[in-house]
């Protein structure tokens, strides 16, 4: 009996192991239900196999960071900005700095990790002045995936240039980690007996000064830096001049029908506007070559001598105050009294009106790389600056500050901040509207504010 049950047990084990007896002479045993347990083999279904299988690990790194820029923040500091990461499973940003170009961060240790996806800036400190550094930023997801192939931006920290303290000027706010650091070139009209063009550092110290002689009592000056490092400036009702850094006038064009803005074009020509007390028969824009010959002019009357513009007059018919030559050959013209910017083609025909009814008393418009226009609107109670989409007329950004009056110029800086020029204040404001830098005119000015105070300013940096 023991031998019989041993054979049965062996057969059961063979069935369960998927094997058959090797000996062909082994007897076939068929157990009966009453004497042998039932053995059933159940294979897992496809559904149960899928539910118990471990999913593959995420190995795809986030997209590369774009919009990386770096700027010397002086005295061993460097400011870095970048565009927001796009990874849905964002973990953190890694910041890398090296003295050689960074193309692959494999094996490198980041100097900083930033876990907030909306933090898009960083200031590196304790660097060596005069040494060229390369910076890179990567996004890392929650599974530690990181795009190792990167683009790096170069920057060289230097000591801040120092100058002379002027009691007429004061820097009230300076957040070094938020500014696009550099020097600032501006025309200072606060002293009617001593008009001057100055370049100041981030502390407000004067590192270069040029006193403009022979300015008529009822005139004002504006200035801008040229690619040659010379300065182009206008004296209203007198002319446009180019001066080198030694104070020598190297070029000029004299005319009483000029004020506000002048621009040096890539071909060497100079284009300027006339709007202060302009009449209908005046050319509001004139372009002259290096020999002083008029090569192009634009008359507003050819298009705007009609309702509702014909009967307007406020310190001039159009009070044109700025001009920009576009890369397509057209020209943007700021028509203050018409509350718009006009784009005209080389034949002088107006191809579109921009911001009509939105750009109220428009000053200092600037076209941005994305095609939008940022401009100052000289509200008498505040500094107002807006950015509009010229195609839709939608205001996509604005800044309104009641600490000064008469915004006269607005320049968008590479880091997204905006330099806003008012009567007695020049502000660098962030995209969120925070003041990162503020220059104040502390000297008293007279009653004719139209002629005094600040008009325009340019931030100058190595980057």
Protein backbone atom coordinates (compact mmCIF):
# COMPACT_ATOMS: atom_id res chain seq x y z
CA UNK A 1 0.00 0.00 0.00
CA UNK A 2 2.87 2.43 0.85
CA UNK A 3 4.48 1.70 -2.52
CA UNK A 4 1.21 2.48 -4.32
CA UNK A 5 0.81 5.93 -2.75
CA UNK A 6 4.47 6.74 -3.35
CA UNK A 7 3.95 6.21 -7.10
CA UNK A 8 0.86 8.38 -7.08
CA UNK A 9 2.69 11.21 -5.31
CA UNK A 10 5.54 11.04 -7.82
CA UNK A 11 3.12 11.35 -10.71
CA UNK A 12 1.47 14.44 -9.16
CA UNK A 13 4.85 16.10 -8.77
CA UNK A 14 5.69 15.36 -12.41
CA UNK A 15 2.43 16.91 -13.61
CA UNK A 16 2.92 20.02 -11.53
CA UNK A 17 6.46 20.45 -12.83
CA UNK A 18 5.31 20.09 -16.46
CA UNK A 19 7.31 16.84 -16.92
CA UNK A 20 6.34 13.31 -17.96
CA UNK A 21 7.85 9.99 -16.78
CA UNK A 22 11.04 9.08 -18.62
CA UNK A 23 10.33 5.34 -18.62
CA UNK A 24 7.89 4.21 -21.33
CA UNK A 25 7.15 1.08 -19.33
CA UNK A 26 5.98 2.96 -16.26
CA UNK A 27 2.33 2.10 -15.69
CA UNK A 28 -0.29 4.72 -16.34
CA UNK A 29 -2.12 5.57 -13.15
CA UNK A 30 -5.41 7.38 -13.20
CA UNK A 31 -6.49 8.38 -9.72
CA UNK A 32 -10.13 8.24 -8.82
CA UNK A 33 -11.92 11.28 -7.32
CA UNK A 34 -12.40 9.43 -4.08
CA UNK A 35 -8.75 8.50 -3.65
CA UNK A 36 -6.78 11.31 -5.36
CA UNK A 37 -6.87 15.10 -4.84
CA UNK A 38 -7.71 17.25 -7.85
CA UNK A 39 -4.82 19.43 -9.14
CA UNK A 40 -5.66 22.44 -11.33
CA UNK A 41 -2.96 24.66 -12.96
CA UNK A 42 -4.15 28.27 -13.44
CA UNK A 43 -2.11 30.52 -15.76
CA UNK A 44 -2.30 34.30 -15.20
CA UNK A 45 -4.42 36.23 -17.73
CA UNK A 46 -3.01 39.02 -19.93
CA UNK A 47 -4.81 41.61 -17.77
CA UNK A 48 -3.32 40.32 -14.54
CA UNK A 49 0.14 40.14 -16.12
CA UNK A 50 -0.15 43.83 -17.18
CA UNK A 51 -1.33 44.96 -13.74
CA UNK A 52 1.55 43.32 -11.91
CA UNK A 53 4.33 44.40 -14.30
CA UNK A 54 6.53 47.29 -12.98
CA UNK A 55 6.28 50.27 -15.33
CA UNK A 56 9.52 51.43 -16.98
CA UNK A 57 11.40 54.27 -15.21
CA UNK A 58 11.24 57.86 -16.59
CA UNK A 59 14.58 58.54 -18.26
CA UNK A 60 13.66 61.55 -20.44
CA UNK A 61 15.31 64.78 -19.25
CA UNK A 62 13.54 68.16 -19.33
CA UNK A 63 14.02 70.45 -22.33
CA UNK A 64 17.07 72.68 -22.40
CA UNK A 65 16.83 76.06 -20.68
CA UNK A 66 16.47 78.99 -23.08
CA UNK A 67 16.95 82.74 -22.79
CA UNK A 68 20.15 82.48 -20.74
CA UNK A 69 21.95 85.81 -20.23
CA UNK A 70 24.58 87.00 -17.77
CA UNK A 71 25.70 90.47 -16.77
CA UNK A 72 28.60 91.87 -14.78
CA UNK A 73 27.17 93.13 -11.49
CA UNK A 74 30.57 94.57 -10.47
CA UNK A 75 33.02 93.77 -7.71
CA UNK A 76 33.11 89.99 -8.10
CA UNK A 77 29.38 89.56 -8.77
CA UNK A 78 27.54 88.23 -11.80
CA UNK A 79 23.79 88.28 -12.42
CA UNK A 80 22.17 85.44 -14.37
CA UNK A 81 18.69 85.27 -15.93
CA UNK A 82 16.91 82.53 -17.89
CA UNK A 83 13.49 81.54 -19.24
CA UNK A 84 11.10 79.45 -17.17
CA UNK A 85 11.46 75.67 -17.40
CA UNK A 86 8.74 73.73 -19.22
CA UNK A 87 8.91 70.31 -17.47
CA UNK A 88 5.61 69.22 -15.91
CA UNK A 89 7.52 67.15 -13.35
CA UNK A 90 9.99 69.94 -12.55
CA UNK A 91 12.30 69.29 -9.64
CA UNK A 92 14.84 72.12 -9.54
CA UNK A 93 17.26 74.27 -11.52
CA UNK A 94 21.00 73.66 -11.38
CA UNK A 95 23.40 76.62 -11.73
CA UNK A 96 26.90 75.95 -13.06
CA UNK A 97 29.90 78.28 -13.31
CA UNK A 98 33.33 77.49 -14.78
CA UNK A 99 36.35 79.28 -16.22
CA UNK A 100 36.08 77.32 -19.47
CA UNK A 101 33.15 77.05 -21.86
CA UNK A 102 30.45 74.68 -20.63
CA UNK A 103 28.89 72.39 -23.25
CA UNK A 104 28.26 69.31 -21.09
CA UNK A 105 27.64 69.32 -17.32
CA UNK A 106 28.30 65.61 -16.86
CA UNK A 107 30.47 65.20 -13.79
CA UNK A 108 30.16 68.86 -12.78
CA UNK A 109 28.81 69.97 -9.43
CA UNK A 110 26.28 72.82 -9.50
CA UNK A 111 27.05 75.84 -7.33
CA UNK A 112 23.35 76.29 -6.57
CA UNK A 113 20.03 74.44 -6.75
CA UNK A 114 16.80 76.44 -7.03
CA UNK A 115 13.57 74.57 -6.32
CA UNK A 116 11.05 77.29 -7.25
CA UNK A 117 10.25 77.02 -10.97
CA UNK A 118 9.31 80.72 -11.04
CA UNK A 119 12.71 81.90 -9.75
CA UNK A 120 14.49 82.88 -12.94
CA UNK A 121 17.50 84.82 -11.70
CA UNK A 122 20.55 84.27 -9.56
CA UNK A 123 23.52 86.35 -8.43
CA UNK A 124 26.86 84.59 -8.13
CA UNK A 125 29.28 86.29 -5.74
CA UNK A 126 32.90 86.08 -4.61
CA UNK A 127 34.20 85.72 -8.17
CA UNK A 128 37.53 87.09 -9.40
CA UNK A 129 37.40 90.44 -11.20
CA UNK A 130 38.97 90.36 -14.64
CA UNK A 131 38.43 86.62 -15.10
CA UNK A 132 36.10 85.40 -17.86
CA UNK A 133 33.48 82.98 -16.55
CA UNK A 134 30.95 80.76 -18.27
CA UNK A 135 27.55 80.11 -16.72
CA UNK A 136 24.92 77.49 -17.52
CA UNK A 137 21.49 76.60 -16.14
CA UNK A 138 19.70 73.25 -16.40
CA UNK A 139 16.32 71.94 -15.32
CA UNK A 140 16.14 68.67 -13.38
CA UNK A 141 12.90 66.69 -13.06
CA UNK A 142 11.54 64.76 -10.06
CA UNK A 143 13.31 61.59 -11.25
CA UNK A 144 16.69 63.38 -11.34
CA UNK A 145 16.77 63.51 -15.14
CA UNK A 146 18.89 66.42 -16.38
CA UNK A 147 19.75 67.60 -19.88
CA UNK A 148 23.54 67.43 -19.82
CA UNK A 149 24.13 69.17 -23.15
CA UNK A 150 23.95 72.91 -22.49
CA UNK A 151 24.59 76.38 -23.86
CA UNK A 152 26.71 78.64 -21.67
CA UNK A 153 26.91 82.44 -21.55
CA UNK A 154 30.15 84.25 -20.82
CA UNK A 155 30.67 87.20 -18.51
CA UNK A 156 33.65 88.96 -16.91
CA UNK A 157 33.16 90.64 -13.53
CA UNK A 158 35.05 93.91 -13.07
CA UNK A 159 35.30 96.54 -10.36
CA UNK A 160 32.67 99.24 -10.56
CA UNK A 161 34.05 102.37 -12.27
CA UNK A 162 34.22 105.13 -9.70
CA UNK A 163 33.54 108.82 -10.26
CA UNK A 164 32.77 112.13 -8.63
CA UNK A 165 29.90 112.63 -6.19
CA UNK A 166 27.46 115.33 -7.33
CA UNK A 167 25.09 116.67 -4.69
CA UNK A 168 22.44 117.34 -7.38
CA UNK A 169 22.07 113.56 -7.88
CA UNK A 170 21.34 110.68 -5.55
CA UNK A 171 20.77 106.94 -6.00
CA UNK A 172 17.98 106.08 -3.55
CA UNK A 173 17.52 102.41 -4.46
CA UNK A 174 20.09 99.92 -5.74
CA UNK A 175 19.34 96.19 -5.60
CA UNK A 176 22.43 94.78 -7.26
CA UNK A 177 20.94 91.32 -7.76
CA UNK A 178 17.97 92.68 -9.74
CA UNK A 179 19.50 95.34 -11.98
CA UNK A 180 21.01 95.19 -15.44
CA UNK A 181 24.19 96.78 -14.16
CA UNK A 182 26.18 99.30 -16.16
CA UNK A 183 26.67 103.01 -16.56
CA UNK A 184 23.86 105.38 -17.48
CA UNK A 185 24.22 108.16 -20.06
CA UNK A 186 21.77 111.05 -19.83
CA UNK A 187 21.26 114.73 -20.54
CA UNK A 188 20.84 116.87 -17.43
CA UNK A 189 18.88 120.11 -17.97
CA UNK A 190 18.21 121.06 -14.34
CA UNK A 191 20.65 124.02 -14.38
CA UNK A 192 19.62 126.29 -17.27
CA UNK A 193 22.99 128.02 -17.10
CA UNK A 194 24.97 124.77 -17.33
CA UNK A 195 23.37 122.12 -19.52
CA UNK A 196 25.40 118.96 -19.53
CA UNK A 197 25.63 115.35 -20.67
CA UNK A 198 26.78 112.95 -17.97
CA UNK A 199 27.59 109.28 -17.58
CA UNK A 200 27.11 107.91 -14.07
CA UNK A 201 27.80 104.61 -12.33
CA UNK A 202 25.25 102.57 -10.38
CA UNK A 203 25.97 104.68 -7.30
CA UNK A 204 25.20 107.94 -9.11
CA UNK A 205 28.82 109.08 -9.27
CA UNK A 206 29.75 111.02 -12.43
CA UNK A 207 32.42 109.20 -14.43
CA UNK A 208 32.16 111.44 -17.55
CA UNK A 209 30.75 114.91 -18.10
CA UNK A 210 30.41 117.20 -21.09
CA UNK A 211 29.07 120.72 -20.61
CA UNK A 212 27.15 121.91 -23.67
CA UNK A 213 27.95 125.54 -24.46
CA UNK A 214 25.79 128.05 -26.28
CA UNK A 215 22.41 126.52 -25.41
CA UNK A 216 19.61 129.08 -25.96
CA UNK A 217 17.66 129.94 -22.81
CA UNK A 218 14.44 128.35 -24.07
CA UNK A 219 16.12 125.19 -25.38
CA UNK A 220 16.90 121.76 -23.95
CA UNK A 221 19.32 118.97 -24.82
CA UNK A 222 19.02 115.23 -25.37
CA UNK A 223 21.80 112.69 -25.92
CA UNK A 224 22.54 109.10 -26.85
CA UNK A 225 25.61 106.89 -27.16
CA UNK A 226 26.88 105.91 -30.61
CA UNK A 227 28.55 102.61 -31.54
CA UNK A 228 31.84 104.51 -31.85
CA UNK A 229 31.54 105.52 -28.16
CA UNK A 230 30.99 109.11 -29.27
CA UNK A 231 27.85 110.89 -28.15
CA UNK A 232 25.15 112.30 -30.45
CA UNK A 233 23.11 115.12 -28.94
CA UNK A 234 20.52 117.68 -29.99
CA UNK A 235 20.06 121.26 -28.89
CA UNK A 236 16.48 122.27 -29.61
CA UNK A 237 16.15 125.09 -32.14
CA UNK A 238 19.90 124.99 -32.80
CA UNK A 239 21.18 121.69 -34.24
CA UNK A 240 22.49 118.16 -33.82
CA UNK A 241 26.10 117.43 -32.80
CA UNK A 242 28.51 114.53 -32.40
CA UNK A 243 31.16 114.84 -29.69
CA UNK A 244 33.99 112.45 -28.82
CA UNK A 245 34.94 111.56 -25.26
CA UNK A 246 37.65 114.22 -25.19
CA UNK A 247 34.95 116.85 -25.67
CA UNK A 248 35.74 117.62 -29.31
CA UNK A 249 32.81 118.20 -31.68
CA UNK A 250 33.53 115.98 -34.70
CA UNK A 251 30.31 116.59 -36.67
CA UNK A 252 27.32 118.91 -36.60
CA UNK A 253 24.28 120.00 -38.57
CA UNK A 254 22.76 123.35 -37.67
CA UNK A 255 19.06 124.09 -38.04
CA UNK A 256 16.45 125.90 -35.99
CA UNK A 257 13.84 123.28 -36.86
CA UNK A 258 15.02 120.51 -34.59
CA UNK A 259 14.28 119.29 -31.08
CA UNK A 260 14.01 116.10 -29.05
CA UNK A 261 15.31 113.05 -30.85
CA UNK A 262 18.12 112.30 -33.33
CA UNK A 263 19.40 108.89 -34.44
CA UNK A 264 22.54 107.84 -36.30
CA UNK A 265 21.64 105.35 -39.03
CA UNK A 266 23.80 102.36 -40.08
CA UNK A 267 24.71 104.10 -43.37
CA UNK A 268 26.15 107.08 -41.48
CA UNK A 269 23.19 109.39 -42.09
CA UNK A 270 21.53 111.21 -39.21
CA UNK A 271 17.76 111.42 -38.83
CA UNK A 272 16.03 113.87 -36.49
CA UNK A 273 12.62 115.30 -35.65
CA UNK A 274 10.96 118.69 -35.36
CA UNK A 275 7.83 118.95 -33.27
CA UNK A 276 8.18 121.77 -30.77
CA UNK A 277 5.86 124.42 -32.24
CA UNK A 278 5.90 122.73 -35.65
CA UNK A 279 3.51 124.05 -38.31
CA UNK A 280 1.72 122.22 -41.11
CA UNK A 281 4.26 123.31 -43.71
CA UNK A 282 7.19 121.97 -41.71
CA UNK A 283 8.94 118.68 -42.25
CA UNK A 284 8.50 116.71 -39.05
CA UNK A 285 11.34 114.28 -39.88
CA UNK A 286 14.56 115.04 -41.79
CA UNK A 287 17.46 112.78 -42.75
CA UNK A 288 20.83 114.28 -43.66
CA UNK A 289 24.04 112.64 -44.84
CA UNK A 290 27.50 113.24 -43.44
CA UNK A 291 27.88 116.26 -45.74
CA UNK A 292 24.75 117.87 -44.34
CA UNK A 293 22.65 117.25 -47.46
CA UNK A 294 18.97 116.44 -46.95
CA UNK A 295 18.38 112.98 -48.42
CA UNK A 296 14.88 112.26 -47.04
CA UNK A 297 12.12 114.15 -45.28
CA UNK A 298 8.59 113.49 -44.13
CA UNK A 299 5.67 115.92 -43.94
CA UNK A 300 2.72 115.04 -41.73
CA UNK A 301 0.44 117.26 -43.80
CA UNK A 302 0.59 114.81 -46.70
CA UNK A 303 -1.46 112.35 -44.67
CA UNK A 304 -2.87 113.97 -41.53
CA UNK A 305 -4.21 117.33 -42.73
CA UNK A 306 -7.76 116.07 -42.29
CA UNK A 307 -10.34 115.40 -39.59
CA UNK A 308 -9.73 114.74 -36.71
CA UNK A 309 -6.09 115.87 -36.85
CA UNK A 310 -6.19 119.07 -38.87
CA UNK A 311 -7.22 121.46 -36.07
CA UNK A 312 -5.06 120.05 -33.27
CA UNK A 313 -2.43 122.32 -31.76
CA UNK A 314 -0.55 121.89 -28.47
CA UNK A 315 2.99 123.31 -28.47
CA UNK A 316 2.99 122.50 -32.18
CA UNK A 317 0.69 120.79 -34.64
CA UNK A 318 2.03 117.22 -34.28
CA UNK A 319 4.66 117.75 -31.57
CA UNK A 320 6.68 114.91 -33.12
CA UNK A 321 9.23 113.80 -30.52
CA UNK A 322 10.95 110.57 -31.65
CA UNK A 323 11.94 108.64 -34.76
CA UNK A 324 13.17 105.08 -35.40
CA UNK A 325 14.35 103.64 -38.72
CA UNK A 326 13.25 100.00 -38.97
CA UNK A 327 15.19 97.14 -40.53
CA UNK A 328 12.58 96.91 -43.33
CA UNK A 329 13.37 100.49 -44.38
CA UNK A 330 10.20 101.96 -42.91
CA UNK A 331 10.27 104.65 -40.23
CA UNK A 332 8.41 104.84 -36.91
CA UNK A 333 7.41 108.39 -35.99
CA UNK A 334 6.08 109.38 -32.56
CA UNK A 335 3.23 111.90 -32.95
CA UNK A 336 2.56 113.15 -29.44
CA UNK A 337 -0.45 115.34 -30.23
CA UNK A 338 -2.13 112.57 -32.23
CA UNK A 339 -1.64 109.97 -29.44
CA UNK A 340 -0.08 107.44 -31.78
CA UNK A 341 3.00 106.16 -33.54
CA UNK A 342 2.89 106.16 -37.35
CA UNK A 343 4.84 103.77 -39.55
CA UNK A 344 5.71 105.26 -42.93
CA UNK A 345 7.39 103.68 -45.92
CA UNK A 346 10.37 105.16 -47.82
CA UNK A 347 7.95 107.05 -50.06
CA UNK A 348 6.45 108.74 -47.00
CA UNK A 349 3.08 106.97 -47.13
CA UNK A 350 1.63 105.95 -43.76
CA UNK A 351 1.25 102.17 -43.79
CA UNK A 352 -0.26 101.89 -40.32
CA UNK A 353 -1.18 103.88 -37.21
CA UNK A 354 -0.10 102.19 -33.98
CA UNK A 355 -1.77 102.61 -30.60
CA UNK A 356 -4.08 105.46 -31.60
CA UNK A 357 -6.07 106.47 -28.55
CA UNK A 358 -3.94 104.25 -26.30
CA UNK A 359 -0.52 105.90 -26.52
CA UNK A 360 -1.73 109.13 -24.91
CA UNK A 361 0.89 111.91 -25.26
CA UNK A 362 3.37 109.26 -26.40
CA UNK A 363 7.09 109.76 -25.69
CA UNK A 364 10.18 107.68 -26.43
CA UNK A 365 8.60 104.64 -28.13
CA UNK A 366 10.86 101.66 -28.65
CA UNK A 367 10.16 98.59 -30.77
CA UNK A 368 11.04 95.31 -29.04
CA UNK A 369 12.43 92.12 -30.63
CA UNK A 370 8.97 90.52 -30.38
CA UNK A 371 7.44 93.40 -32.38
CA UNK A 372 5.72 95.01 -29.40
CA UNK A 373 6.21 98.68 -28.57
CA UNK A 374 7.10 100.08 -25.15
CA UNK A 375 6.52 103.80 -24.61
CA UNK A 376 6.35 106.46 -21.91
CA UNK A 377 3.08 108.32 -21.37
CA UNK A 378 3.71 111.64 -19.58
CA UNK A 379 0.80 111.70 -17.16
CA UNK A 380 1.18 114.81 -15.00
CA UNK A 381 0.58 112.89 -11.77
CA UNK A 382 2.63 109.74 -12.35
CA UNK A 383 5.25 107.91 -14.34
CA UNK A 384 3.29 105.68 -16.72
CA UNK A 385 4.87 103.26 -19.14
CA UNK A 386 3.11 100.63 -21.24
CA UNK A 387 3.92 97.86 -23.68
CA UNK A 388 1.40 97.18 -26.42
CA UNK A 389 0.95 94.59 -29.14
CA UNK A 390 0.75 96.84 -32.23
CA UNK A 391 -1.33 94.30 -34.16
CA UNK A 392 -4.13 94.01 -31.60
CA UNK A 393 -3.61 97.19 -29.61
CA UNK A 394 -3.69 95.13 -26.41
CA UNK A 395 -1.69 96.46 -23.46
CA UNK A 396 0.46 93.51 -22.39
CA UNK A 397 2.42 95.28 -19.63
CA UNK A 398 2.25 98.57 -17.79
CA UNK A 399 3.89 100.43 -14.95
CA UNK A 400 2.34 103.38 -13.13
CA UNK A 401 4.15 105.12 -10.29
CA UNK A 402 3.05 108.27 -8.49
CA UNK A 403 6.49 109.24 -7.17
CA UNK A 404 7.19 111.58 -10.11
CA UNK A 405 5.50 113.21 -13.08
CA UNK A 406 6.02 113.37 -16.80
CA UNK A 407 7.49 110.07 -18.04
CA UNK A 408 9.60 111.01 -21.06
CA UNK A 409 11.41 107.86 -22.13
CA UNK A 410 11.27 104.07 -21.68
CA UNK A 411 13.91 101.52 -22.65
CA UNK A 412 13.57 97.75 -22.27
CA UNK A 413 16.78 96.22 -20.91
CA UNK A 414 18.14 92.76 -21.88
CA UNK A 415 17.05 91.18 -18.57
CA UNK A 416 13.42 92.29 -19.09
CA UNK A 417 13.62 95.30 -16.78
CA UNK A 418 12.57 98.71 -18.10
CA UNK A 419 14.44 101.99 -17.67
CA UNK A 420 11.81 104.71 -17.16
CA UNK A 421 12.79 108.38 -17.31
CA UNK A 422 10.71 111.03 -15.58
CA UNK A 423 11.15 114.69 -14.81
CA UNK A 424 13.24 114.19 -11.65
CA UNK A 425 13.56 110.37 -11.44
CA UNK A 426 15.10 107.62 -13.51
CA UNK A 427 13.88 104.16 -12.50
CA UNK A 428 14.85 100.63 -13.44
CA UNK A 429 11.75 98.53 -12.80
CA UNK A 430 11.33 94.78 -12.99
CA UNK A 431 8.64 93.03 -15.01
CA UNK A 432 6.71 92.70 -11.73
CA UNK A 433 6.85 96.47 -11.19
CA UNK A 434 9.45 96.49 -8.42
CA UNK A 435 11.95 99.36 -8.45
CA UNK A 436 15.44 97.84 -8.63
CA UNK A 437 17.33 101.13 -9.12
CA UNK A 438 16.33 104.75 -8.67
CA UNK A 439 18.20 107.96 -9.50
CA UNK A 440 16.77 111.20 -8.12
CA UNK A 441 17.46 114.79 -9.08
CA UNK A 442 17.82 116.43 -5.69
CA UNK A 443 18.46 119.96 -6.97
CA UNK A 444 15.55 122.37 -7.15
CA UNK A 445 14.26 123.21 -10.61
CA UNK A 446 12.34 126.24 -11.78
CA UNK A 447 8.80 126.67 -12.98
CA UNK A 448 9.49 125.79 -16.62
CA UNK A 449 9.59 122.04 -16.11
CA UNK A 450 9.22 121.54 -19.85
CA UNK A 451 12.84 122.60 -20.28
CA UNK A 452 14.39 121.19 -17.13
CA UNK A 453 15.02 117.88 -15.48
CA UNK A 454 15.75 114.61 -17.29
CA UNK A 455 14.67 113.72 -20.81
CA UNK A 456 16.24 110.45 -21.95
CA UNK A 457 18.71 107.91 -20.63
CA UNK A 458 20.62 104.90 -21.95
CA UNK A 459 22.02 102.04 -19.85
CA UNK A 460 25.45 100.97 -21.11
CA UNK A 461 27.00 97.57 -20.34
CA UNK A 462 29.61 95.23 -21.77
CA UNK A 463 26.88 92.66 -22.41
